[in-house]
Amino acid sequence: MASDRSASAITPIEQVTIGAAPGLFVILWASGFIGAKLGLPYAEPLTFLFLRMAGAVFVLGAIVLLARPKWPNRDGILDSCAIGVFMHALYLGGVYISIANGLPAALSALIVGLQPLLTSTIANRLLGEQVVARQWGGLLLGIVGVYLVVQDKPTTGGATPLAWVASIVALLSITFGTIYQKRFGSGIDWRAGMLIQYGAAGILFAFGAMAFETRIVHWTPEFLFALCWLVLVLSIGAIWLLYFLISRSAATRVVSLFYLTPPVTALMAWALFNERLAVEALVGMVFCVIGVSLVNWRSAGR
């Protein structure tokens, strides 16, 4: 591929950055679930997300004005809007609604963390790649892991049916959005593309908040910290790291990093909110991580 770079063309600073970026990306991505839980007591989910998208549009708008990247054509704009609907509006909306309705942050991360498993089985199957026995075994192991977690009543007892539905919508949305991004969004400059994506998602959140929420916000220090963290660290920093890794031909490694999000989120939620998972649920999480690793073992080894 033209985007591949030989080892001799990478400077020592880039080597250090590439080496540190995966671990940093996992921590930042996992912290997004924690930021949502921290801010949701002070604003309803769609209102919170509208403010997050508005902040991201403001920051990215300033970046675009200064850097003046190439603007996509009409098809690129439409593709970016579609990606924004799936990757941000439906995915983030599902995650925030699930947490707001009683689903623990660690469990929400676990459910949407199955996205690489769906992508590697369903999407690869649609693209004509053979799914081998080991991958089907990983899929089965992941399903068993989810079953063990769901059976942990002390962990999931406070979650409403809406929380489960929203979490599944988030999982399906990020799966389809990832496929769409890989097929139609890879040629769009990330700064212009993300600006359009966040703008499209922000419009949907605005309509949703006006239709279903009171739009009352308690501007506490905790809420301001959560909002700034999600805008700057997640919407800008984590996404930049994602594009940085993909541009260095590390896309398959980036996909595998999502497997580590649920356990890292669980540790953060335990430390900050005293969210506890029973042994059965922890075993289920381990099964899920092993399962998705088996599904993607071939891709990660290339």
C-alpha atoms as a PDB file:
ATOM      1  CA  MET A   1       0.000   0.000   0.000  1.00  0.00           C
ATOM      2  CA  ALA A   2       1.085   3.529  -0.692  1.00  0.00           C
ATOM      3  CA  SER A   3       0.492   4.542   2.920  1.00  0.00           C
ATOM      4  CA  ASP A   4       2.950   1.965   4.266  1.00  0.00           C
ATOM      5  CA  ARG A   5       6.259   3.315   5.442  1.00  0.00           C
ATOM      6  CA  SER A   6       9.499   1.382   5.724  1.00  0.00           C
ATOM      7  CA  ALA A   7      11.205   1.096   9.090  1.00  0.00           C
ATOM      8  CA  SER A   8      14.109   3.214   7.876  1.00  0.00           C
ATOM      9  CA  ALA A   9      11.728   6.075   7.025  1.00  0.00           C
ATOM     10  CA  ILE A  10      10.406   6.318  10.607  1.00  0.00           C
ATOM     11  CA  THR A  11      12.335   8.637  12.906  1.00  0.00           C
ATOM     12  CA  PRO A  12      13.196   7.643  16.514  1.00  0.00           C
ATOM     13  CA  ILE A  13      10.636  10.131  17.839  1.00  0.00           C
ATOM     14  CA  GLU A  14       7.946   8.571  15.654  1.00  0.00           C
ATOM     15  CA  GLN A  15       8.970   5.106  16.851  1.00  0.00           C
ATOM     16  CA  VAL A  16       8.519   6.171  20.483  1.00  0.00           C
ATOM     17  CA  THR A  17       5.197   7.823  19.648  1.00  0.00           C
ATOM     18  CA  ILE A  18       3.931   4.760  17.793  1.00  0.00           C
ATOM     19  CA  GLY A  19       5.030   2.547  20.679  1.00  0.00           C
ATOM     20  CA  ALA A  20       3.269   4.667  23.309  1.00  0.00           C
ATOM     21  CA  ALA A  21       0.144   5.520  21.295  1.00  0.00           C
ATOM     22  CA  PRO A  22      -1.694   2.155  21.622  1.00  0.00           C
ATOM     23  CA  GLY A  23      -1.566   2.088  25.421  1.00  0.00           C
ATOM     24  CA  LEU A  24      -2.499   5.758  25.645  1.00  0.00           C
ATOM     25  CA  PHE A  25      -5.376   5.214  23.225  1.00  0.00           C
ATOM     26  CA  VAL A  26      -6.819   2.395  25.365  1.00  0.00           C
ATOM     27  CA  ILE A  27      -6.721   4.567  28.488  1.00  0.00           C
ATOM     28  CA  LEU A  28      -8.284   7.564  26.766  1.00  0.00           C
ATOM     29  CA  TRP A  29     -10.993   5.526  25.038  1.00  0.00           C
ATOM     30  CA  ALA A  30     -11.907   3.733  28.270  1.00  0.00           C
ATOM     31  CA  SER A  31     -12.086   7.057  30.100  1.00  0.00           C
ATOM     32  CA  GLY A  32     -14.926   8.107  27.785  1.00  0.00           C
ATOM     33  CA  PHE A  33     -17.314   5.778  29.641  1.00  0.00           C
ATOM     34  CA  ILE A  34     -16.105   7.226  32.940  1.00  0.00           C
ATOM     35  CA  GLY A  35     -16.590  10.786  31.693  1.00  0.00           C
ATOM     36  CA  ALA A  36     -20.154   9.929  30.690  1.00  0.00           C
ATOM     37  CA  LYS A  37     -20.955   8.507  34.126  1.00  0.00           C
ATOM     38  CA  LEU A  38     -19.347  11.511  35.832  1.00  0.00           C
ATOM     39  CA  GLY A  39     -21.354  14.084  33.890  1.00  0.00           C
ATOM     40  CA  LEU A  40     -24.749  12.390  33.505  1.00  0.00           C
ATOM     41  CA  PRO A  41     -25.995  13.226  37.028  1.00  0.00           C
ATOM     42  CA  TYR A  42     -25.947  16.906  36.024  1.00  0.00           C
ATOM     43  CA  ALA A  43     -27.507  16.758  32.525  1.00  0.00           C
ATOM     44  CA  GLU A  44     -29.763  14.453  30.563  1.00  0.00           C
ATOM     45  CA  PRO A  45     -27.958  12.237  28.028  1.00  0.00           C
ATOM     46  CA  LEU A  46     -28.989  13.926  24.768  1.00  0.00           C
ATOM     47  CA  THR A  47     -28.453  17.387  26.218  1.00  0.00           C
ATOM     48  CA  PHE A  48     -25.026  16.340  27.481  1.00  0.00           C
ATOM     49  CA  LEU A  49     -24.109  14.933  24.084  1.00  0.00           C
ATOM     50  CA  PHE A  50     -25.296  18.044  22.252  1.00  0.00           C
ATOM     51  CA  LEU A  51     -22.969  20.145  24.427  1.00  0.00           C
ATOM     52  CA  ARG A  52     -20.134  17.711  23.744  1.00  0.00           C
ATOM     53  CA  MET A  53     -20.697  17.853  19.977  1.00  0.00           C
ATOM     54  CA  ALA A  54     -20.978  21.650  20.074  1.00  0.00           C
ATOM     55  CA  GLY A  55     -17.655  21.871  21.909  1.00  0.00           C
ATOM     56  CA  ALA A  56     -15.994  19.509  19.449  1.00  0.00           C
ATOM     57  CA  VAL A  57     -17.345  21.487  16.471  1.00  0.00           C
ATOM     58  CA  PHE A  58     -16.000  24.708  17.988  1.00  0.00           C
ATOM     59  CA  VAL A  59     -12.497  23.266  18.531  1.00  0.00           C
ATOM     60  CA  LEU A  60     -12.349  21.474  15.177  1.00  0.00           C
ATOM     61  CA  GLY A  61     -13.742  24.533  13.423  1.00  0.00           C
ATOM     62  CA  ALA A  62     -10.822  26.563  14.749  1.00  0.00           C
ATOM     63  CA  ILE A  63      -8.389  23.835  13.629  1.00  0.00           C
ATOM     64  CA  VAL A  64      -9.927  23.738  10.135  1.00  0.00           C
ATOM     65  CA  LEU A  65      -9.767  27.540   9.818  1.00  0.00           C
ATOM     66  CA  LEU A  66      -6.076  27.519  10.759  1.00  0.00           C
ATOM     67  CA  ALA A  67      -4.948  24.400   8.860  1.00  0.00           C
ATOM     68  CA  ARG A  68      -7.302  24.765   5.871  1.00  0.00           C
ATOM     69  CA  PRO A  69      -7.384  21.049   4.968  1.00  0.00           C
ATOM     70  CA  LYS A  70      -8.897  19.831   1.710  1.00  0.00           C
ATOM     71  CA  TRP A  71     -12.674  19.960   1.917  1.00  0.00           C
ATOM     72  CA  PRO A  72     -14.560  16.848   0.709  1.00  0.00           C
ATOM     73  CA  ASN A  73     -16.851  16.950  -2.325  1.00  0.00           C
ATOM     74  CA  ARG A  74     -20.616  16.481  -2.113  1.00  0.00           C
ATOM     75  CA  ASP A  75     -20.392  12.699  -1.851  1.00  0.00           C
ATOM     76  CA  GLY A  76     -17.717  13.019   0.816  1.00  0.00           C
ATOM     77  CA  ILE A  77     -19.903  15.390   2.820  1.00  0.00           C
ATOM     78  CA  LEU A  78     -22.844  12.976   2.631  1.00  0.00           C
ATOM     79  CA  ASP A  79     -20.606  10.062   3.620  1.00  0.00           C
ATOM     80  CA  SER A  80     -19.248  12.053   6.577  1.00  0.00           C
ATOM     81  CA  CYS A  81     -22.792  12.874   7.692  1.00  0.00           C
ATOM     82  CA  ALA A  82     -23.735   9.182   7.531  1.00  0.00           C
ATOM     83  CA  ILE A  83     -20.629   8.220   9.512  1.00  0.00           C
ATOM     84  CA  GLY A  84     -21.470  10.895  12.082  1.00  0.00           C
ATOM     85  CA  VAL A  85     -24.980   9.487  12.512  1.00  0.00           C
ATOM     86  CA  PHE A  86     -23.729   5.953  13.186  1.00  0.00           C
ATOM     87  CA  MET A  87     -20.340   6.517  14.847  1.00  0.00           C
ATOM     88  CA  HIS A  88     -21.379   9.414  17.079  1.00  0.00           C
ATOM     89  CA  ALA A  89     -25.130  10.020  17.237  1.00  0.00           C
ATOM     90  CA  LEU A  90     -26.436   6.456  17.565  1.00  0.00           C
ATOM     91  CA  TYR A  91     -23.313   4.971  19.188  1.00  0.00           C
ATOM     92  CA  LEU A  92     -22.724   7.665  21.807  1.00  0.00           C
ATOM     93  CA  GLY A  93     -26.448   8.195  22.280  1.00  0.00           C
ATOM     94  CA  GLY A  94     -26.883   4.499  23.022  1.00  0.00           C
ATOM     95  CA  VAL A  95     -23.971   4.445  25.470  1.00  0.00           C
ATOM     96  CA  TYR A  96     -25.121   7.542  27.371  1.00  0.00           C
ATOM     97  CA  ILE A  97     -28.765   6.445  27.538  1.00  0.00           C
ATOM     98  CA  SER A  98     -27.729   2.989  28.772  1.00  0.00           C
ATOM     99  CA  ILE A  99     -25.580   4.441  31.564  1.00  0.00           C
ATOM    100  CA  ALA A 100     -28.250   7.012  32.467  1.00  0.00           C
ATOM    101  CA  ASN A 101     -30.753   4.154  32.833  1.00  0.00           C
ATOM    102  CA  GLY A 102     -28.732   2.104  35.276  1.00  0.00           C
ATOM    103  CA  LEU A 103     -26.267   0.072  33.224  1.00  0.00           C
ATOM    104  CA  PRO A 104     -22.811   0.178  34.878  1.00  0.00           C
ATOM    105  CA  ALA A 105     -20.098   1.905  32.850  1.00  0.00           C
ATOM    106  CA  ALA A 106     -17.970  -1.265  32.793  1.00  0.00           C
ATOM    107  CA  LEU A 107     -20.840  -3.366  31.444  1.00  0.00           C
ATOM    108  CA  SER A 108     -21.720  -0.754  28.825  1.00  0.00           C
ATOM    109  CA  ALA A 109     -18.075  -0.814  27.698  1.00  0.00           C
ATOM    110  CA  LEU A 110     -18.187  -4.608  27.550  1.00  0.00           C
ATOM    111  CA  ILE A 111     -21.249  -4.741  25.312  1.00  0.00           C
ATOM    112  CA  VAL A 112     -20.031  -2.180  22.774  1.00  0.00           C
ATOM    113  CA  GLY A 113     -16.562  -3.726  23.088  1.00  0.00           C
ATOM    114  CA  LEU A 114     -17.931  -6.707  21.164  1.00  0.00           C
ATOM    115  CA  GLN A 115     -17.822  -4.508  18.049  1.00  0.00           C
ATOM    116  CA  PRO A 116     -14.565  -6.031  16.711  1.00  0.00           C
ATOM    117  CA  LEU A 117     -16.131  -9.472  17.059  1.00  0.00           C
ATOM    118  CA  LEU A 118     -19.138  -8.492  14.931  1.00  0.00           C
ATOM    119  CA  THR A 119     -16.942  -6.673  12.433  1.00  0.00           C
ATOM    120  CA  SER A 120     -14.658  -9.672  12.016  1.00  0.00           C
ATOM    121  CA  THR A 121     -17.465 -12.183  11.578  1.00  0.00           C
ATOM    122  CA  ILE A 122     -20.342 -10.375   9.884  1.00  0.00           C
ATOM    123  CA  ALA A 123     -18.426  -7.721   7.933  1.00  0.00           C
ATOM    124  CA  ASN A 124     -15.619 -10.003   6.828  1.00  0.00           C
ATOM    125  CA  ARG A 125     -18.177 -12.600   5.805  1.00  0.00           C
ATOM    126  CA  LEU A 126     -19.969 -10.025   3.662  1.00  0.00           C
ATOM    127  CA  LEU A 127     -16.656  -9.060   2.090  1.00  0.00           C
ATOM    128  CA  GLY A 128     -16.051 -12.670   1.061  1.00  0.00           C
ATOM    129  CA  GLU A 129     -13.359 -13.615   3.584  1.00  0.00           C
ATOM    130  CA  GLN A 130     -13.573 -17.095   5.047  1.00  0.00           C
ATOM    131  CA  VAL A 131     -14.410 -17.369   8.746  1.00  0.00           C
ATOM    132  CA  VAL A 132     -12.392 -20.306  10.082  1.00  0.00           C
ATOM    133  CA  ALA A 133     -13.323 -22.673  12.917  1.00  0.00           C
ATOM    134  CA  ARG A 134     -11.129 -20.815  15.396  1.00  0.00           C
ATOM    135  CA  GLN A 135     -13.051 -17.611  14.732  1.00  0.00           C
ATOM    136  CA  TRP A 136     -16.405 -19.297  15.202  1.00  0.00           C
ATOM    137  CA  GLY A 137     -15.049 -20.700  18.465  1.00  0.00           C
ATOM    138  CA  GLY A 138     -14.115 -17.183  19.534  1.00  0.00           C
ATOM    139  CA  LEU A 139     -17.620 -15.983  18.665  1.00  0.00           C
ATOM    140  CA  LEU A 140     -19.155 -18.737  20.797  1.00  0.00           C
ATOM    141  CA  LEU A 141     -16.795 -17.966  23.678  1.00  0.00           C
ATOM    142  CA  GLY A 142     -17.735 -14.292  23.494  1.00  0.00           C
ATOM    143  CA  ILE A 143     -21.440 -15.166  23.638  1.00  0.00           C
ATOM    144  CA  VAL A 144     -20.826 -17.331  26.702  1.00  0.00           C
ATOM    145  CA  GLY A 145     -18.936 -14.447  28.293  1.00  0.00           C
ATOM    146  CA  VAL A 146     -21.823 -12.048  27.725  1.00  0.00           C
ATOM    147  CA  TYR A 147     -24.229 -14.617  29.180  1.00  0.00           C
ATOM    148  CA  LEU A 148     -22.133 -14.901  32.340  1.00  0.00           C
ATOM    149  CA  VAL A 149     -22.075 -11.133  32.762  1.00  0.00           C
ATOM    150  CA  VAL A 150     -25.824 -10.790  32.176  1.00  0.00           C
ATOM    151  CA  GLN A 151     -26.485 -13.491  34.789  1.00  0.00           C
ATOM    152  CA  ASP A 152     -24.696 -11.382  37.397  1.00  0.00           C
ATOM    153  CA  LYS A 153     -27.863  -9.928  38.954  1.00  0.00           C
ATOM    154  CA  PRO A 154     -26.133  -7.686  41.541  1.00  0.00           C
ATOM    155  CA  THR A 155     -24.308  -5.994  38.641  1.00  0.00           C
ATOM    156  CA  THR A 156     -27.209  -5.648  36.217  1.00  0.00           C
ATOM    157  CA  GLY A 157     -30.227  -5.462  38.545  1.00  0.00           C
ATOM    158  CA  GLY A 158     -30.511  -1.669  38.343  1.00  0.00           C
ATOM    159  CA  ALA A 159     -30.534  -1.538  34.554  1.00  0.00           C
ATOM    160  CA  THR A 160     -33.873  -0.873  32.853  1.00  0.00           C
ATOM    161  CA  PRO A 161     -34.938  -2.587  29.601  1.00  0.00           C
ATOM    162  CA  LEU A 162     -34.245   0.716  27.824  1.00  0.00           C
ATOM    163  CA  ALA A 163     -30.625   0.525  28.997  1.00  0.00           C
ATOM    164  CA  TRP A 164     -30.142  -2.865  27.352  1.00  0.00           C
ATOM    165  CA  VAL A 165     -31.847  -1.799  24.119  1.00  0.00           C
ATOM    166  CA  ALA A 166     -29.776   1.398  23.955  1.00  0.00           C
ATOM    167  CA  SER A 167     -26.557  -0.525  24.522  1.00  0.00           C
ATOM    168  CA  ILE A 168     -27.372  -2.977  21.725  1.00  0.00           C
ATOM    169  CA  VAL A 169     -28.193  -0.074  19.403  1.00  0.00           C
ATOM    170  CA  ALA A 170     -24.801   1.426  20.283  1.00  0.00           C
ATOM    171  CA  LEU A 171     -23.068  -1.875  19.462  1.00  0.00           C
ATOM    172  CA  LEU A 172     -24.785  -2.263  16.091  1.00  0.00           C
ATOM    173  CA  SER A 173     -24.241   1.398  15.217  1.00  0.00           C
ATOM    174  CA  ILE A 174     -20.498   1.451  15.858  1.00  0.00           C
ATOM    175  CA  THR A 175     -20.149  -1.836  13.967  1.00  0.00           C
ATOM    176  CA  PHE A 176     -21.951  -0.536  10.886  1.00  0.00           C
ATOM    177  CA  GLY A 177     -20.286   2.872  11.239  1.00  0.00           C
ATOM    178  CA  THR A 178     -16.833   1.284  11.306  1.00  0.00           C
ATOM    179  CA  ILE A 179     -17.574  -0.668   8.133  1.00  0.00           C
ATOM    180  CA  TYR A 180     -18.924   2.461   6.454  1.00  0.00           C
ATOM    181  CA  GLN A 181     -15.914   4.506   7.567  1.00  0.00           C
ATOM    182  CA  LYS A 182     -13.479   1.937   6.179  1.00  0.00           C
ATOM    183  CA  ARG A 183     -15.306   1.763   2.856  1.00  0.00           C
ATOM    184  CA  PHE A 184     -16.218   5.397   2.210  1.00  0.00           C
ATOM    185  CA  GLY A 185     -14.448   7.674   4.695  1.00  0.00           C
ATOM    186  CA  SER A 186     -10.781   6.706   4.494  1.00  0.00           C
ATOM    187  CA  GLY A 187      -9.983   9.208   1.744  1.00  0.00           C
ATOM    188  CA  ILE A 188     -11.399  12.221   3.595  1.00  0.00           C
ATOM    189  CA  ASP A 189      -9.112  14.494   5.606  1.00  0.00           C
ATOM    190  CA  TRP A 190      -9.823  13.649   9.247  1.00  0.00           C
ATOM    191  CA  ARG A 191     -10.150  17.277  10.351  1.00  0.00           C
ATOM    192  CA  ALA A 192     -12.794  18.200   7.782  1.00  0.00           C
ATOM    193  CA  GLY A 193     -14.468  14.805   8.041  1.00  0.00           C
ATOM    194  CA  MET A 194     -14.725  14.883  11.831  1.00  0.00           C
ATOM    195  CA  LEU A 195     -16.049  18.445  11.776  1.00  0.00           C
ATOM    196  CA  ILE A 196     -18.888  17.343   9.487  1.00  0.00           C
ATOM    197  CA  GLN A 197     -19.498  14.181  11.531  1.00  0.00           C
ATOM    198  CA  TYR A 198     -19.743  16.035  14.827  1.00  0.00           C
ATOM    199  CA  GLY A 199     -21.939  18.695  13.240  1.00  0.00           C
ATOM    200  CA  ALA A 200     -24.390  16.099  11.895  1.00  0.00           C
ATOM    201  CA  ALA A 201     -24.489  14.260  15.228  1.00  0.00           C
ATOM    202  CA  GLY A 202     -24.932  17.536  17.116  1.00  0.00           C
ATOM    203  CA  ILE A 203     -28.009  18.438  15.028  1.00  0.00           C
ATOM    204  CA  LEU A 204     -29.628  15.092  15.852  1.00  0.00           C
ATOM    205  CA  PHE A 205     -28.842  15.471  19.545  1.00  0.00           C
ATOM    206  CA  ALA A 206     -30.327  18.978  19.513  1.00  0.00           C
ATOM    207  CA  PHE A 207     -33.611  17.719  18.029  1.00  0.00           C
ATOM    208  CA  GLY A 208     -33.649  14.766  20.449  1.00  0.00           C
ATOM    209  CA  ALA A 209     -33.034  16.970  23.472  1.00  0.00           C
ATOM    210  CA  MET A 210     -35.779  19.400  22.444  1.00  0.00           C
ATOM    211  CA  ALA A 211     -38.254  16.570  21.854  1.00  0.00           C
ATOM    212  CA  PHE A 212     -37.584  14.293  24.850  1.00  0.00           C
ATOM    213  CA  GLU A 213     -35.670  16.179  27.557  1.00  0.00           C
ATOM    214  CA  THR A 214     -35.986  19.205  29.804  1.00  0.00           C
ATOM    215  CA  ARG A 215     -32.544  20.500  28.719  1.00  0.00           C
ATOM    216  CA  ILE A 216     -31.724  21.502  32.298  1.00  0.00           C
ATOM    217  CA  VAL A 217     -27.974  21.535  32.989  1.00  0.00           C
ATOM    218  CA  HIS A 218     -26.361  21.870  36.412  1.00  0.00           C
ATOM    219  CA  TRP A 219     -23.044  23.571  35.665  1.00  0.00           C
ATOM    220  CA  THR A 220     -21.101  22.023  38.527  1.00  0.00           C
ATOM    221  CA  PRO A 221     -17.292  21.688  38.538  1.00  0.00           C
ATOM    222  CA  GLU A 222     -17.707  17.945  38.013  1.00  0.00           C
ATOM    223  CA  PHE A 223     -19.887  18.470  34.945  1.00  0.00           C
ATOM    224  CA  LEU A 224     -17.550  21.081  33.455  1.00  0.00           C
ATOM    225  CA  PHE A 225     -14.576  18.782  33.983  1.00  0.00           C
ATOM    226  CA  ALA A 226     -16.393  15.844  32.363  1.00  0.00           C
ATOM    227  CA  LEU A 227     -17.502  17.991  29.410  1.00  0.00           C
ATOM    228  CA  CYS A 228     -14.042  19.447  28.785  1.00  0.00           C
ATOM    229  CA  TRP A 229     -12.445  16.015  29.125  1.00  0.00           C
ATOM    230  CA  LEU A 230     -14.825  14.439  26.626  1.00  0.00           C
ATOM    231  CA  VAL A 231     -14.453  17.273  24.114  1.00  0.00           C
ATOM    232  CA  LEU A 232     -10.694  17.749  24.226  1.00  0.00           C
ATOM    233  CA  VAL A 233      -9.353  14.350  25.267  1.00  0.00           C
ATOM    234  CA  LEU A 234     -11.889  12.028  23.629  1.00  0.00           C
ATOM    235  CA  SER A 235     -13.398  13.839  20.642  1.00  0.00           C
ATOM    236  CA  ILE A 236     -10.084  15.440  19.650  1.00  0.00           C
ATOM    237  CA  GLY A 237      -7.184  13.581  21.324  1.00  0.00           C
ATOM    238  CA  ALA A 238      -8.372   9.968  21.112  1.00  0.00           C
ATOM    239  CA  ILE A 239      -9.638  10.405  17.551  1.00  0.00           C
ATOM    240  CA  TRP A 240      -6.317  11.975  16.540  1.00  0.00           C
ATOM    241  CA  LEU A 241      -4.499   8.974  18.024  1.00  0.00           C
ATOM    242  CA  LEU A 242      -6.811   6.656  16.119  1.00  0.00           C
ATOM    243  CA  TYR A 243      -6.008   8.341  12.814  1.00  0.00           C
ATOM    244  CA  PHE A 244      -2.311   8.503  13.718  1.00  0.00           C
ATOM    245  CA  LEU A 245      -2.156   4.738  14.242  1.00  0.00           C
ATOM    246  CA  ILE A 246      -4.175   3.935  11.129  1.00  0.00           C
ATOM    247  CA  SER A 247      -1.969   6.209   9.016  1.00  0.00           C
ATOM    248  CA  ARG A 248       1.040   4.139  10.150  1.00  0.00           C
ATOM    249  CA  SER A 249      -0.587   0.933   8.795  1.00  0.00           C
ATOM    250  CA  ALA A 250      -1.613  -0.093  12.292  1.00  0.00           C
ATOM    251  CA  ALA A 251      -5.345  -0.384  11.644  1.00  0.00           C
ATOM    252  CA  THR A 252      -5.542  -4.049  12.660  1.00  0.00           C
ATOM    253  CA  ARG A 253      -3.635  -3.283  15.871  1.00  0.00           C
ATOM    254  CA  VAL A 254      -6.043  -0.455  16.595  1.00  0.00           C
ATOM    255  CA  VAL A 255      -9.003  -2.815  16.232  1.00  0.00           C
ATOM    256  CA  SER A 256      -7.423  -5.198  18.722  1.00  0.00           C
ATOM    257  CA  LEU A 257      -7.019  -2.345  21.224  1.00  0.00           C
ATOM    258  CA  PHE A 258     -10.784  -2.154  21.664  1.00  0.00           C
ATOM    259  CA  TYR A 259     -10.620  -5.580  23.314  1.00  0.00           C
ATOM    260  CA  LEU A 260      -8.821  -3.994  26.263  1.00  0.00           C
ATOM    261  CA  THR A 261     -11.387  -1.235  26.809  1.00  0.00           C
ATOM    262  CA  PRO A 262     -13.858  -3.204  28.998  1.00  0.00           C
ATOM    263  CA  PRO A 263     -11.338  -4.374  31.644  1.00  0.00           C
ATOM    264  CA  VAL A 264      -9.661  -0.945  31.758  1.00  0.00           C
ATOM    265  CA  THR A 265     -13.066   0.729  32.114  1.00  0.00           C
ATOM    266  CA  ALA A 266     -13.972  -1.759  34.864  1.00  0.00           C
ATOM    267  CA  LEU A 267     -10.825  -0.854  36.798  1.00  0.00           C
ATOM    268  CA  MET A 268     -11.527   2.867  36.421  1.00  0.00           C
ATOM    269  CA  ALA A 269     -15.169   2.453  37.464  1.00  0.00           C
ATOM    270  CA  TRP A 270     -14.130   0.409  40.488  1.00  0.00           C
ATOM    271  CA  ALA A 271     -11.553   3.001  41.563  1.00  0.00           C
ATOM    272  CA  LEU A 272     -13.747   6.085  40.995  1.00  0.00           C
ATOM    273  CA  PHE A 273     -17.334   4.909  41.547  1.00  0.00           C
ATOM    274  CA  ASN A 274     -16.901   1.669  43.499  1.00  0.00           C
ATOM    275  CA  GLU A 275     -18.610  -0.278  40.718  1.00  0.00           C
ATOM    276  CA  ARG A 276     -18.083  -3.904  41.636  1.00  0.00           C
ATOM    277  CA  LEU A 277     -18.322  -6.945  39.410  1.00  0.00           C
ATOM    278  CA  ALA A 278     -18.905 -10.416  40.844  1.00  0.00           C
ATOM    279  CA  VAL A 279     -16.473 -13.235  40.056  1.00  0.00           C
ATOM    280  CA  GLU A 280     -18.937 -14.658  37.528  1.00  0.00           C
ATOM    281  CA  ALA A 281     -19.055 -11.344  35.672  1.00  0.00           C
ATOM    282  CA  LEU A 282     -15.265 -11.004  35.718  1.00  0.00           C
ATOM    283  CA  VAL A 283     -14.908 -14.496  34.262  1.00  0.00           C
ATOM    284  CA  GLY A 284     -17.412 -13.515  31.577  1.00  0.00           C
ATOM    285  CA  MET A 285     -15.355 -10.452  30.689  1.00  0.00           C
ATOM    286  CA  VAL A 286     -12.245 -12.614  30.374  1.00  0.00           C
ATOM    287  CA  PHE A 287     -14.132 -14.975  28.073  1.00  0.00           C
ATOM    288  CA  CYS A 288     -15.184 -12.040  25.915  1.00  0.00           C
ATOM    289  CA  VAL A 289     -11.635 -10.717  25.610  1.00  0.00           C
ATOM    290  CA  ILE A 290     -10.310 -14.185  24.719  1.00  0.00           C
ATOM    291  CA  GLY A 291     -13.161 -14.729  22.284  1.00  0.00           C
ATOM    292  CA  VAL A 292     -12.638 -11.566  20.285  1.00  0.00           C
ATOM    293  CA  SER A 293      -8.882 -12.188  20.320  1.00  0.00           C
ATOM    294  CA  LEU A 294      -9.436 -15.579  18.725  1.00  0.00           C
ATOM    295  CA  VAL A 295     -11.736 -14.047  16.137  1.00  0.00           C
ATOM    296  CA  ASN A 296      -9.097 -11.510  15.093  1.00  0.00           C
ATOM    297  CA  TRP A 297      -5.927 -13.544  15.652  1.00  0.00           C
ATOM    298  CA  ARG A 298      -5.208 -13.880  11.932  1.00  0.00           C
ATOM    299  CA  SER A 299      -5.654 -10.160  11.196  1.00  0.00           C
ATOM    300  CA  ALA A 300      -3.572  -9.049  14.153  1.00  0.00           C
ATOM    301  CA  GLY A 301      -0.716 -11.290  13.073  1.00  0.00           C
ATOM    302  CA  ARG A 302      -0.389  -9.850   9.577  1.00  0.00           C
END
